[in-house]
Amino acid sequence: MPTASFGSTSNDCFPKALLHLVTMMQKEVIWPIGPCRFFTGTIQSVPIPCLADIFLAPQKGKVAIVTGGAKGIGYETAKHLSRLGMHVIIAGNHKNQGQLSVSRIVQETGNEKVEFMFLELASMQSIQQFAQNFKAKNLLLHVLVDNAAVMLVPQRSTADGFEEHFGVNYLGHFLLTRLLLDTLRESGSHDRNARIITVSSATHYIGELNFNDLQSRHHYSPHGAYAQSKLALVLFSYELQQRLTAEGSYVTSNVVDPGVVNTDLYKHTCWLFKLCKSLTSWLFFKTAAQGASTVIYAAVSPDLEGVGGSYLANGQKTKSADISYDADLQKKLWTQSCKLVGIPEWRQSNV
């Protein structure tokens, strides 16, 4: 299997990081001009087709939570949703950075309904506290963007003992989404569904789930652990949509692959890879704003009203890894995840 080639020693850092990058780039072609750019109210496509000229209607009165919204793709997502009139909550674990991002967005968009709330996805207690604090505001929730992530970090554990990629990228968002699901159900309607957008990666195509060692304690590869977390997110999103459809809730769940984006997620790669990236990012990497384009499309486009269970890349539905459609695997991961975070498998909607 592809993940068998992932190593964790320092002397092979560059080839492994390069393999990680090539895997993602195989799924898209990036030219210097970039695939698309945003303008107020519309998305206009440039030479590479991804999002046709789609009018994004004002979203005044709607509420969105964006995890990791203080920087990178999350920041650009939060800013554009704010520009469309949404009440945006940036969820993150760096208070000063979060408040600075709020100030910048308010200044750039003129929308003062932007706020920061502390959320540490590496702590189940923090996630539960965030959900309680949000519900105490008595707000609806129309859009949840599960965006925050760590990538290629050295072997270490979360506050609850989970491997960090699996704990932060996947389990943290699994628990957060489950805790906010009742509010999402209450906020959706037959003509305006609430939306859950899970940000994954093309790296999931080479991911494997090892149920005998989900925490990578017996063998750790930062590339393999990252790929596993991103595959888990796809499986989770699909299983969640199946359950929402079965109960008739007006909530949809979709997955987004933002592409190869020039953000600080690459800070844990070796110096040689960083050097190559700095020299070639203009050619091979999207900007954070370009990476956010499909996330925003998934959050507000009328094309996706009532549509769930999709994998979106470059503004289009595309096929995810074959293994991600395995219904038994989806259910198995769901059950195991509920046990790990200590919640019931499902609570039927009362809506």
Protein backbone atom coordinates (compact mmCIF):
# COMPACT_ATOMS: atom_id res chain seq x y z
CA MET A 1 0.00 0.00 0.00
CA PRO A 2 1.22 3.57 -0.65
CA THR A 3 1.48 4.50 3.02
CA ALA A 4 4.10 1.82 3.53
CA SER A 5 6.58 4.17 1.87
CA PHE A 6 6.13 6.87 4.49
CA GLY A 7 9.05 7.19 6.85
CA SER A 8 9.75 9.38 9.85
CA THR A 9 13.50 9.71 9.97
CA SER A 10 15.12 13.07 9.41
CA ASN A 11 17.39 11.94 6.59
CA ASP A 12 14.46 11.09 4.31
CA CYS A 13 12.38 14.15 5.24
CA PHE A 14 12.64 15.74 1.80
CA PRO A 15 11.58 12.77 -0.36
CA LYS A 16 8.69 11.95 1.98
CA ALA A 17 7.49 15.55 2.10
CA LEU A 18 7.84 15.74 -1.67
CA LEU A 19 5.76 12.56 -2.05
CA HIS A 20 3.12 14.12 0.19
CA LEU A 21 3.03 17.22 -2.05
CA VAL A 22 3.00 15.27 -5.31
CA THR A 23 0.07 13.17 -4.05
CA MET A 24 -2.02 16.30 -3.58
CA MET A 25 -0.91 17.87 -6.85
CA GLN A 26 -1.87 14.80 -8.87
CA LYS A 27 -5.49 15.79 -8.30
CA GLU A 28 -5.26 19.26 -9.79
CA VAL A 29 -3.27 21.52 -12.07
CA ILE A 30 -2.20 24.92 -10.80
CA TRP A 31 -0.88 27.72 -12.99
CA PRO A 32 0.62 30.99 -11.71
CA ILE A 33 -2.57 32.95 -12.24
CA GLY A 34 -4.46 30.60 -9.92
CA PRO A 35 -7.79 28.89 -10.42
CA CYS A 36 -10.21 31.56 -9.20
CA ARG A 37 -10.51 34.77 -7.27
CA PHE A 38 -13.24 36.49 -5.32
CA PHE A 39 -15.04 39.74 -5.86
CA THR A 40 -17.81 41.17 -3.72
CA GLY A 41 -20.96 39.19 -4.35
CA THR A 42 -19.59 36.99 -7.12
CA ILE A 43 -16.93 34.47 -7.89
CA GLN A 44 -15.32 34.97 -11.27
CA SER A 45 -13.36 32.22 -12.90
CA VAL A 46 -10.02 32.81 -14.58
CA PRO A 47 -8.26 30.53 -17.07
CA ILE A 48 -8.55 27.34 -15.02
CA PRO A 49 -12.24 26.49 -14.74
CA CYS A 50 -13.37 25.77 -11.20
CA LEU A 51 -16.21 28.08 -10.24
CA ALA A 52 -18.33 29.48 -13.00
CA ASP A 53 -19.57 33.02 -12.46
CA ILE A 54 -21.91 32.34 -9.58
CA PHE A 55 -23.74 35.04 -7.72
CA LEU A 56 -23.47 34.58 -4.00
CA ALA A 57 -26.54 36.10 -2.43
CA PRO A 58 -26.27 38.13 0.77
CA GLN A 59 -26.35 35.94 3.88
CA LYS A 60 -27.51 38.52 6.41
CA GLY A 61 -29.00 36.96 9.52
CA LYS A 62 -27.11 33.70 9.17
CA VAL A 63 -24.50 32.48 11.63
CA ALA A 64 -21.29 30.60 10.82
CA ILE A 65 -18.53 29.02 12.89
CA VAL A 66 -15.12 28.59 11.25
CA THR A 67 -12.54 26.57 13.15
CA GLY A 68 -9.01 27.79 12.56
CA GLY A 69 -10.53 31.01 11.23
CA ALA A 70 -7.73 33.29 12.40
CA LYS A 71 -5.35 32.50 9.55
CA GLY A 72 -4.93 30.81 6.20
CA ILE A 73 -7.91 29.21 4.50
CA GLY A 74 -10.03 29.68 7.62
CA TYR A 75 -9.35 33.41 7.73
CA GLU A 76 -10.22 33.89 4.07
CA THR A 77 -13.39 31.85 4.55
CA ALA A 78 -14.42 33.85 7.61
CA LYS A 79 -13.70 37.12 5.84
CA HIS A 80 -15.79 36.30 2.79
CA LEU A 81 -18.71 34.96 4.81
CA SER A 82 -18.57 38.18 6.81
CA ARG A 83 -18.55 40.20 3.59
CA LEU A 84 -21.75 38.40 2.61
CA GLY A 85 -23.35 39.60 5.86
CA MET A 86 -23.04 36.56 8.10
CA HIS A 87 -22.44 36.67 11.82
CA VAL A 88 -19.09 34.86 11.88
CA ILE A 89 -17.49 33.20 14.88
CA ILE A 90 -13.80 32.45 14.57
CA ALA A 91 -12.94 29.44 16.72
CA GLY A 92 -9.28 29.09 17.59
CA ASN A 93 -6.70 28.47 20.27
CA HIS A 94 -4.69 31.71 20.00
CA LYS A 95 -6.68 34.54 21.57
CA ASN A 96 -4.47 37.46 20.48
CA GLN A 97 -4.21 36.22 16.91
CA GLY A 98 -7.95 35.58 16.82
CA GLN A 99 -8.87 39.03 18.07
CA LEU A 100 -6.47 40.62 15.60
CA SER A 101 -8.12 38.68 12.77
CA VAL A 102 -11.54 39.81 13.95
CA SER A 103 -10.41 43.45 13.86
CA ARG A 104 -8.99 43.05 10.35
CA ILE A 105 -12.16 41.42 9.03
CA VAL A 106 -14.40 44.08 10.57
CA GLN A 107 -12.24 46.78 9.05
CA GLU A 108 -12.15 45.16 5.61
CA THR A 109 -15.83 44.15 5.39
CA GLY A 110 -17.62 46.71 7.52
CA ASN A 111 -19.53 43.88 9.20
CA GLU A 112 -19.19 44.17 12.97
CA LYS A 113 -20.80 40.80 13.64
CA VAL A 114 -17.48 38.97 13.80
CA GLU A 115 -16.16 37.53 17.04
CA PHE A 116 -13.54 35.19 18.43
CA MET A 117 -14.25 32.26 20.73
CA PHE A 118 -11.55 30.11 22.26
CA LEU A 119 -11.44 26.48 21.11
CA GLU A 120 -8.65 23.99 21.65
CA LEU A 121 -9.36 20.99 19.45
CA ALA A 122 -6.65 19.03 21.26
CA SER A 123 -8.83 18.99 24.39
CA MET A 124 -12.22 17.31 24.68
CA GLN A 125 -12.97 19.50 27.69
CA SER A 126 -12.28 22.65 25.69
CA ILE A 127 -14.53 21.46 22.88
CA GLN A 128 -17.37 20.78 25.30
CA GLN A 129 -16.86 24.19 26.91
CA PHE A 130 -16.92 25.89 23.51
CA ALA A 131 -20.20 24.19 22.62
CA GLN A 132 -21.71 25.26 25.94
CA ASN A 133 -20.50 28.84 25.51
CA PHE A 134 -21.88 29.02 21.99
CA LYS A 135 -25.28 27.63 22.98
CA ALA A 136 -25.45 30.16 25.83
CA LYS A 137 -25.56 32.89 23.17
CA ASN A 138 -28.93 31.53 21.97
CA LEU A 139 -27.88 31.87 18.35
CA LEU A 140 -28.86 29.72 15.42
CA LEU A 141 -26.08 28.02 13.43
CA HIS A 142 -26.41 27.83 9.68
CA VAL A 143 -22.85 26.98 8.63
CA LEU A 144 -20.18 24.99 10.44
CA VAL A 145 -16.78 24.88 8.76
CA ASP A 146 -14.52 22.21 10.26
CA ASN A 147 -11.28 23.64 8.93
CA ALA A 148 -8.54 23.73 11.57
CA ALA A 149 -5.71 21.23 11.23
CA VAL A 150 -2.17 20.27 12.10
CA MET A 151 0.11 18.65 9.54
CA LEU A 152 3.29 16.57 9.71
CA VAL A 153 3.86 17.29 13.39
CA PRO A 154 6.35 15.18 15.36
CA GLN A 155 4.89 12.34 17.38
CA ARG A 156 2.95 13.76 20.31
CA SER A 157 -0.40 13.42 22.02
CA THR A 158 -3.38 15.62 22.79
CA ALA A 159 -4.54 16.37 26.32
CA ASP A 160 -6.70 13.24 26.12
CA GLY A 161 -3.93 10.95 24.88
CA PHE A 162 -4.86 10.85 21.19
CA GLU A 163 -2.24 11.06 18.45
CA GLU A 164 -2.28 14.73 17.50
CA HIS A 165 -3.29 14.46 13.83
CA PHE A 166 -6.09 12.03 14.65
CA GLY A 167 -7.13 13.93 17.77
CA VAL A 168 -7.12 17.49 16.40
CA ASN A 169 -7.96 17.04 12.73
CA TYR A 170 -10.54 14.31 13.13
CA LEU A 171 -11.77 13.50 16.64
CA GLY A 172 -11.90 17.15 17.70
CA HIS A 173 -14.13 18.04 14.78
CA PHE A 174 -16.15 14.84 15.20
CA LEU A 175 -17.02 15.80 18.78
CA LEU A 176 -17.57 19.49 17.97
CA THR A 177 -19.97 18.66 15.14
CA ARG A 178 -21.91 16.20 17.26
CA LEU A 179 -22.25 18.71 20.11
CA LEU A 180 -23.54 21.41 17.76
CA LEU A 181 -25.80 19.14 15.72
CA ASP A 182 -29.00 19.98 17.60
CA THR A 183 -28.47 23.68 16.92
CA LEU A 184 -27.77 22.99 13.25
CA ARG A 185 -30.97 20.94 13.04
CA GLU A 186 -32.99 23.75 14.59
CA SER A 187 -31.46 26.27 12.17
CA GLY A 188 -32.11 24.45 8.90
CA SER A 189 -35.36 24.60 6.96
CA HIS A 190 -36.74 22.82 3.93
CA ASP A 191 -35.62 25.59 1.59
CA ARG A 192 -32.47 26.68 3.47
CA ASN A 193 -30.57 23.72 4.89
CA ALA A 194 -27.90 24.22 7.51
CA ARG A 195 -24.52 23.13 6.17
CA ILE A 196 -21.54 21.29 7.59
CA ILE A 197 -18.35 21.67 5.56
CA THR A 198 -15.46 19.40 6.42
CA VAL A 199 -12.07 20.41 5.03
CA SER A 200 -10.07 17.34 4.07
CA SER A 201 -7.18 16.93 1.62
CA ALA A 202 -6.17 14.97 -1.46
CA THR A 203 -3.77 13.22 0.89
CA HIS A 204 -6.73 11.10 1.99
CA TYR A 205 -6.34 9.14 -1.27
CA ILE A 206 -3.28 7.41 0.19
CA GLY A 207 -4.64 7.23 3.74
CA GLU A 208 -5.27 4.00 5.63
CA LEU A 209 -7.20 3.33 8.82
CA ASN A 210 -5.51 0.95 11.21
CA PHE A 211 -8.15 0.15 13.81
CA ASN A 212 -5.59 -1.82 15.79
CA ASP A 213 -3.43 1.30 16.14
CA LEU A 214 -5.45 4.44 15.37
CA GLN A 215 -3.14 6.43 17.66
CA SER A 216 0.00 5.31 15.76
CA ARG A 217 1.69 4.12 18.93
CA HIS A 218 3.39 1.08 17.39
CA HIS A 219 4.65 2.84 14.28
CA TYR A 220 4.56 6.58 13.72
CA SER A 221 4.86 8.36 10.40
CA PRO A 222 3.79 12.02 10.32
CA HIS A 223 2.73 11.63 6.68
CA GLY A 224 0.76 8.45 7.35
CA ALA A 225 -0.88 9.94 10.46
CA TYR A 226 -1.92 13.07 8.56
CA ALA A 227 -3.32 11.03 5.65
CA GLN A 228 -5.24 8.81 8.09
CA SER A 229 -6.86 11.83 9.76
CA LYS A 230 -7.94 13.26 6.42
CA LEU A 231 -9.42 9.93 5.28
CA ALA A 232 -11.28 9.70 8.58
CA LEU A 233 -12.84 13.12 7.92
CA VAL A 234 -14.20 11.98 4.55
CA LEU A 235 -15.65 8.80 6.03
CA PHE A 236 -17.20 10.80 8.86
CA SER A 237 -18.80 13.34 6.54
CA TYR A 238 -20.39 10.63 4.40
CA GLU A 239 -21.70 8.66 7.38
CA LEU A 240 -23.05 11.85 8.94
CA GLN A 241 -24.97 12.66 5.75
CA GLN A 242 -26.48 9.17 5.70
CA ARG A 243 -27.76 9.61 9.26
CA LEU A 244 -29.09 13.12 8.63
CA THR A 245 -30.92 11.95 5.52
CA ALA A 246 -32.41 8.98 7.34
CA GLU A 247 -33.91 11.17 10.05
CA GLY A 248 -35.11 13.85 7.63
CA SER A 249 -33.09 16.73 9.08
CA TYR A 250 -32.56 19.88 7.04
CA VAL A 251 -28.79 19.69 7.43
CA THR A 252 -26.24 18.72 4.79
CA SER A 253 -22.68 17.46 5.13
CA ASN A 254 -20.05 17.86 2.42
CA VAL A 255 -16.28 17.50 2.15
CA VAL A 256 -13.93 20.01 0.54
CA ASP A 257 -10.43 19.51 -0.81
CA PRO A 258 -8.90 23.02 -0.95
CA GLY A 259 -5.94 21.92 -3.05
CA VAL A 260 -2.26 22.60 -2.53
CA VAL A 261 -2.30 25.87 -0.60
CA ASN A 262 0.57 28.06 0.55
CA THR A 263 -0.09 28.22 4.31
CA ASP A 264 2.00 27.66 7.41
CA LEU A 265 0.82 24.05 7.68
CA TYR A 266 4.16 23.18 6.05
CA LYS A 267 6.16 24.57 8.96
CA HIS A 268 7.05 21.07 10.21
CA THR A 269 8.71 19.99 6.95
CA CYS A 270 12.50 19.93 6.66
CA TRP A 271 14.57 22.93 5.56
CA LEU A 272 15.23 21.57 2.06
CA PHE A 273 11.55 21.14 1.33
CA LYS A 274 10.85 24.62 2.72
CA LEU A 275 13.51 26.05 0.41
CA CYS A 276 12.03 24.35 -2.64
CA LYS A 277 8.56 25.47 -1.60
CA SER A 278 9.67 29.09 -1.26
CA LEU A 279 11.12 29.01 -4.77
CA THR A 280 8.17 27.31 -6.47
CA SER A 281 5.08 28.27 -4.46
CA TRP A 282 4.11 30.95 -7.01
CA LEU A 283 3.81 28.21 -9.63
CA PHE A 284 2.48 25.18 -7.77
CA PHE A 285 0.58 26.52 -4.75
CA LYS A 286 -2.72 28.31 -4.41
CA THR A 287 -3.00 31.34 -2.20
CA ALA A 288 -5.09 31.00 0.96
CA ALA A 289 -7.88 33.00 -0.73
CA GLN A 290 -7.87 30.62 -3.69
CA GLY A 291 -7.82 27.62 -1.38
CA ALA A 292 -10.86 28.99 0.45
CA SER A 293 -12.89 29.36 -2.75
CA THR A 294 -14.45 25.90 -2.72
CA VAL A 295 -15.05 26.08 1.03
CA ILE A 296 -17.09 29.26 0.52
CA TYR A 297 -18.84 27.69 -2.46
CA ALA A 298 -19.87 24.75 -0.29
CA ALA A 299 -21.04 27.08 2.47
CA VAL A 300 -23.33 29.36 0.49
CA SER A 301 -23.77 28.39 -3.16
CA PRO A 302 -27.40 27.84 -4.23
CA ASP A 303 -26.11 24.99 -6.41
CA LEU A 304 -25.62 22.92 -3.26
CA GLU A 305 -28.92 23.70 -1.55
CA GLY A 306 -30.12 20.44 -0.05
CA VAL A 307 -27.15 18.56 -1.50
CA GLY A 308 -24.97 16.49 0.81
CA GLY A 309 -22.57 13.58 0.73
CA SER A 310 -20.32 15.19 -1.89
CA TYR A 311 -16.57 15.58 -2.22
CA LEU A 312 -15.77 18.97 -3.73
CA ALA A 313 -12.54 20.18 -5.32
CA ASN A 314 -12.03 23.27 -7.48
CA GLY A 315 -15.72 24.11 -7.19
CA GLN A 316 -16.88 20.79 -8.59
CA LYS A 317 -18.07 17.46 -7.31
CA THR A 318 -15.45 14.79 -7.75
CA LYS A 319 -14.76 11.25 -6.65
CA SER A 320 -12.98 10.63 -3.36
CA ALA A 321 -10.92 7.55 -2.59
CA ASP A 322 -12.69 4.25 -3.29
CA ILE A 323 -12.30 3.18 0.32
CA SER A 324 -14.18 6.27 1.52
CA TYR A 325 -17.43 4.86 0.06
CA ASP A 326 -17.20 1.69 2.15
CA ALA A 327 -20.39 1.89 4.23
CA ASP A 328 -19.18 -0.71 6.73
CA LEU A 329 -15.95 1.23 7.27
CA GLN A 330 -17.89 4.46 7.75
CA LYS A 331 -20.07 2.87 10.42
CA LYS A 332 -17.13 1.17 12.12
CA LEU A 333 -15.21 4.43 12.37
CA TRP A 334 -18.31 6.24 13.66
CA THR A 335 -18.87 3.67 16.39
CA GLN A 336 -15.22 3.68 17.43
CA SER A 337 -15.12 7.49 17.44
CA CYS A 338 -18.15 7.69 19.73
CA LYS A 339 -16.43 5.35 22.17
CA LEU A 340 -13.20 7.37 22.07
CA VAL A 341 -14.89 10.71 22.82
CA GLY A 342 -17.49 9.24 25.18
CA ILE A 343 -20.78 10.11 23.50
CA PRO A 344 -23.81 8.06 22.35
CA GLU A 345 -23.75 6.81 18.77
CA TRP A 346 -26.75 8.92 17.74
CA ARG A 347 -29.51 10.98 19.22
CA GLN A 348 -32.54 11.23 16.96
CA SER A 349 -33.68 14.68 15.97
CA ASN A 350 -36.80 16.08 17.59
CA VAL A 351 -37.22 18.62 14.82
